[in-house]
Amino acid sequence: MFRVALILFKHTLRADVLPECPTLYETMERLRHIPPEYMQEEFIVREVIIGGNAHKTSMTAVWDLGMMGYQLV
């Protein structure tokens, strides 16, 4: 469920949308009215699979480079 919440946040509160949400009220309204295409099971499952693989790949790259940390994008 946590991954699903992260996916919904990621796609609902994109960088191009955040300037339209200057306060908590606008942000909560945006989260209350998530676009229907993001609520489809196929979309969520695809994002969980893709997101999980992307995370493993990026962490492997960080580990291979010998870096001490990573930054969420």
Protein backbone atom coordinates (compact mmCIF):
# COMPACT_ATOMS: atom_id res chain seq x y z
CA MET A 1 0.00 0.00 0.00
CA PHE A 2 2.90 2.34 0.70
CA ARG A 3 4.19 1.96 -2.87
CA VAL A 4 0.74 2.67 -4.26
CA ALA A 5 0.55 5.85 -2.18
CA LEU A 6 3.97 6.94 -3.44
CA ILE A 7 2.92 6.32 -7.04
CA LEU A 8 -0.25 8.35 -6.59
CA PHE A 9 1.70 11.19 -4.97
CA LYS A 10 4.34 11.09 -7.69
CA HIS A 11 1.85 11.36 -10.54
CA THR A 12 -0.69 13.64 -8.87
CA LEU A 13 1.80 16.15 -7.46
CA ARG A 14 4.18 16.43 -10.40
CA ALA A 15 6.68 19.30 -10.56
CA ASP A 16 4.60 21.12 -13.19
CA VAL A 17 1.52 20.97 -10.91
CA LEU A 18 3.13 22.01 -7.62
CA PRO A 19 3.16 25.76 -8.40
CA GLU A 20 -0.65 25.52 -8.60
CA CYS A 21 -0.69 24.22 -4.99
CA PRO A 22 0.90 26.93 -2.84
CA THR A 23 -0.92 25.93 0.35
CA LEU A 24 -1.94 22.74 2.08
CA TYR A 25 -5.56 23.33 1.03
CA GLU A 26 -4.78 23.20 -2.72
CA THR A 27 -2.50 20.20 -2.22
CA MET A 28 -5.19 18.28 -0.35
CA GLU A 29 -7.78 19.18 -2.99
CA ARG A 30 -5.45 17.82 -5.67
CA LEU A 31 -5.05 14.58 -3.69
CA ARG A 32 -8.81 14.30 -3.12
CA HIS A 33 -9.41 14.48 -6.87
CA ILE A 34 -6.82 12.10 -8.31
CA PRO A 35 -7.31 11.72 -12.09
CA PRO A 36 -9.10 8.46 -12.97
CA GLU A 37 -6.29 7.22 -15.24
CA TYR A 38 -4.00 7.01 -12.18
CA MET A 39 -6.55 4.94 -10.28
CA GLN A 40 -6.62 2.10 -12.85
CA GLU A 41 -5.21 -1.20 -11.62
CA GLU A 42 -3.13 -1.71 -14.78
CA PHE A 43 -1.45 1.68 -14.34
CA ILE A 44 -0.63 1.09 -10.68
CA VAL A 45 0.71 -2.44 -11.24
CA ARG A 46 2.87 -1.24 -14.15
CA GLU A 47 4.27 1.62 -12.07
CA VAL A 48 5.01 -0.68 -9.12
CA ILE A 49 6.91 -3.06 -11.40
CA ILE A 50 8.75 -0.33 -13.31
CA GLY A 51 9.42 1.70 -10.16
CA GLY A 52 10.76 -1.31 -8.30
CA ASN A 53 13.14 -2.18 -11.11
CA ALA A 54 14.27 1.42 -11.53
CA HIS A 55 15.02 1.64 -7.80
CA LYS A 56 17.12 -1.56 -7.90
CA THR A 57 18.99 -0.33 -10.96
CA SER A 58 19.73 3.10 -9.51
CA MET A 59 20.85 1.65 -6.17
CA THR A 60 23.11 -0.81 -8.00
CA ALA A 61 24.62 2.07 -9.95
CA VAL A 62 25.22 4.02 -6.72
CA TRP A 63 26.78 0.98 -5.09
CA ASP A 64 28.98 0.31 -8.12
CA LEU A 65 30.23 3.89 -8.12
CA GLY A 66 31.22 3.58 -4.49
CA MET A 67 29.10 6.55 -3.39
CA MET A 68 28.05 6.80 0.21
CA GLY A 69 24.45 7.91 -0.38
CA TYR A 70 21.77 8.65 -2.88
CA GLN A 71 19.28 11.41 -3.51
CA LEU A 72 15.60 10.90 -4.24
CA VAL A 73 14.57 12.59 -7.46
